[in-house]
Protein backbone atom coordinates (compact mmCIF):
# COMPACT_ATOMS: atom_id res chain seq x y z
CA UNK A 1 40.39 10.36 -81.64
CA UNK A 2 43.30 9.36 -83.84
CA UNK A 3 45.38 6.20 -83.93
CA UNK A 4 48.74 6.40 -85.67
CA UNK A 5 50.29 3.18 -86.94
CA UNK A 6 53.99 3.68 -87.52
CA UNK A 7 56.42 1.46 -89.39
CA UNK A 8 54.26 -1.57 -90.00
CA UNK A 9 55.93 -3.89 -92.51
CA UNK A 10 52.70 -5.18 -93.98
CA UNK A 11 48.93 -4.85 -93.96
CA UNK A 12 48.34 -7.15 -91.00
CA UNK A 13 46.42 -4.61 -88.93
CA UNK A 14 43.56 -4.12 -91.38
CA UNK A 15 40.96 -5.85 -89.19
CA UNK A 16 42.12 -3.88 -86.14
CA UNK A 17 41.83 -0.64 -88.08
CA UNK A 18 38.39 -1.67 -89.33
CA UNK A 19 37.14 -2.19 -85.77
CA UNK A 20 38.05 1.35 -84.75
CA UNK A 21 35.25 3.87 -84.79
CA UNK A 22 37.55 6.87 -84.91
CA UNK A 23 39.99 8.30 -87.41
CA UNK A 24 43.07 6.19 -88.10
CA UNK A 25 46.27 7.28 -89.75
CA UNK A 26 48.50 4.59 -91.21
CA UNK A 27 52.05 5.68 -91.87
CA UNK A 28 54.67 3.54 -93.48
CA UNK A 29 58.32 4.21 -94.03
CA UNK A 30 58.50 1.44 -96.60
CA UNK A 31 58.98 2.83 -100.09
CA UNK A 32 57.45 -0.08 -101.93
CA UNK A 33 54.83 0.35 -104.65
CA UNK A 34 53.32 -3.08 -104.04
CA UNK A 35 52.82 -2.28 -100.35
CA UNK A 36 50.84 0.86 -101.09
CA UNK A 37 48.86 -0.78 -103.89
CA UNK A 38 48.01 -3.76 -101.63
CA UNK A 39 47.12 -1.51 -98.72
CA UNK A 40 44.77 0.59 -100.83
CA UNK A 41 43.20 -2.58 -102.21
CA UNK A 42 42.71 -3.99 -98.68
CA UNK A 43 41.11 -0.76 -97.50
CA UNK A 44 38.68 -0.88 -100.43
CA UNK A 45 37.89 -4.60 -99.98
CA UNK A 46 37.26 -4.17 -96.25
CA UNK A 47 35.19 -1.01 -96.73
CA UNK A 48 37.47 1.03 -94.47
CA UNK A 49 36.97 4.75 -94.81
CA UNK A 50 38.56 6.01 -91.60
CA UNK A 51 42.17 5.57 -92.66
CA UNK A 52 44.75 7.72 -94.41
CA UNK A 53 48.08 6.48 -95.72
CA UNK A 54 51.12 8.74 -95.81
CA UNK A 55 54.18 7.96 -97.93
CA UNK A 56 56.89 9.61 -95.87
CA UNK A 57 59.58 8.92 -93.31
CA UNK A 58 58.31 8.50 -89.75
CA UNK A 59 60.53 11.25 -88.34
CA UNK A 60 59.26 13.67 -90.95
CA UNK A 61 55.66 12.83 -90.16
CA UNK A 62 56.20 13.22 -86.41
CA UNK A 63 57.71 16.66 -87.03
CA UNK A 64 54.67 17.98 -88.90
CA UNK A 65 53.28 21.14 -87.33
CA UNK A 66 49.76 20.09 -88.24
CA UNK A 67 49.98 17.04 -85.95
CA UNK A 68 47.85 17.78 -82.88
CA UNK A 69 49.10 15.55 -80.05
CA UNK A 70 46.01 16.13 -77.89
CA UNK A 71 43.89 14.41 -80.56
CA UNK A 72 46.04 11.27 -80.75
CA UNK A 73 44.76 8.46 -78.55
CA UNK A 74 47.14 5.65 -79.50
CA UNK A 75 50.35 5.00 -81.41
CA UNK A 76 50.75 1.48 -82.79
CA UNK A 77 54.39 0.58 -83.46
CA UNK A 78 55.59 -2.44 -85.39
CA UNK A 79 59.12 -1.57 -86.49
CA UNK A 80 61.56 -3.80 -88.39
CA UNK A 81 64.09 -5.90 -86.47
CA UNK A 82 66.38 -2.88 -86.23
CA UNK A 83 63.80 -1.15 -84.03
CA UNK A 84 63.10 2.56 -83.90
CA UNK A 85 65.51 5.38 -84.57
CA UNK A 86 66.48 7.19 -81.36
CA UNK A 87 65.07 10.42 -82.80
CA UNK A 88 61.74 8.66 -83.42
CA UNK A 89 61.56 7.52 -79.78
CA UNK A 90 62.26 11.08 -78.63
CA UNK A 91 59.60 12.56 -80.93
CA UNK A 92 57.03 9.99 -79.79
CA UNK A 93 57.73 10.89 -76.15
CA UNK A 94 57.28 14.60 -76.90
CA UNK A 95 53.81 13.92 -78.33
CA UNK A 96 52.56 12.83 -74.88
CA UNK A 97 50.19 10.29 -76.43
CA UNK A 98 48.29 8.47 -73.65
CA UNK A 99 48.89 4.94 -75.00
CA UNK A 100 51.42 3.11 -77.13
CA UNK A 101 51.28 -0.47 -78.36
CA UNK A 102 54.67 -1.76 -79.47
CA UNK A 103 54.92 -5.03 -81.42
CA UNK A 104 58.46 -6.35 -81.69
CA UNK A 105 60.19 -9.33 -83.25
CA UNK A 106 63.59 -8.58 -81.68
CA UNK A 107 63.99 -8.56 -77.87
CA UNK A 108 67.24 -6.57 -77.91
CA UNK A 109 65.91 -3.65 -79.97
CA UNK A 110 62.66 -3.76 -77.99
CA UNK A 111 64.65 -3.40 -74.74
CA UNK A 112 66.61 -0.49 -76.19
CA UNK A 113 63.49 1.30 -77.44
CA UNK A 114 61.54 0.62 -74.23
CA UNK A 115 64.35 2.18 -72.20
CA UNK A 116 63.90 5.40 -74.18
CA UNK A 117 60.11 5.31 -73.86
CA UNK A 118 60.31 4.65 -70.11
CA UNK A 119 62.75 7.53 -69.67
CA UNK A 120 60.38 9.65 -71.75
CA UNK A 121 57.50 9.25 -69.30
CA UNK A 122 55.82 5.96 -70.16
CA UNK A 123 55.28 2.84 -68.05
CA UNK A 124 54.59 -0.72 -69.13
CA UNK A 125 51.04 -1.78 -68.32
CA UNK A 126 50.96 -5.13 -70.17
CA UNK A 127 53.46 -7.36 -71.89
CA UNK A 128 52.71 -10.52 -73.86
CA UNK A 129 55.16 -12.86 -75.57
CA UNK A 130 53.78 -14.86 -78.50
CA UNK A 131 55.37 -17.87 -80.12
CA UNK A 132 53.98 -17.49 -83.63
CA UNK A 133 56.73 -19.60 -85.18
CA UNK A 134 56.97 -22.86 -83.21
CA UNK A 135 60.15 -24.87 -83.66
CA UNK A 136 62.14 -21.65 -84.17
CA UNK A 137 63.81 -19.11 -81.91
CA UNK A 138 61.61 -16.24 -83.16
CA UNK A 139 59.14 -14.65 -80.75
CA UNK A 140 56.82 -11.68 -81.05
CA UNK A 141 56.41 -9.39 -78.07
CA UNK A 142 53.48 -7.03 -77.63
CA UNK A 143 53.86 -4.26 -75.06
CA UNK A 144 51.22 -1.78 -73.96
CA UNK A 145 52.59 1.43 -72.50
CA UNK A 146 50.68 4.20 -70.75
CA UNK A 147 51.72 7.77 -70.13
CA UNK A 148 52.58 8.37 -66.48
């Protein structure tokens, strides 16, 4: 099984990746040398050997012919405040991945992206709102979607 983590702004999912017993692919669209250096260091420190990091745009990665959708069990999304590109949502829907977890810090872009995912054949199975920054208006939303 393969988990694909798309557009994560940092290395915050290291412990989640470590707990997985199957192959994980981490893909970042962030062209930042420190990010990649830190990520590689975290993988080494946490003794994670089931993870590959790709330095490429998400749309380009999703268009790869070598990507075998039937092998992908989960896509983990954590895009920036601007959300996903419409083309990215469409490509994710075409993959027919059974599960998606979407972490969002912006309700309006989450709503926009969810509309595309719902139209593309997914349904919301769980939704959780987290107040990680008390005394501020910022909320994190975690949505689990399943393929219909």
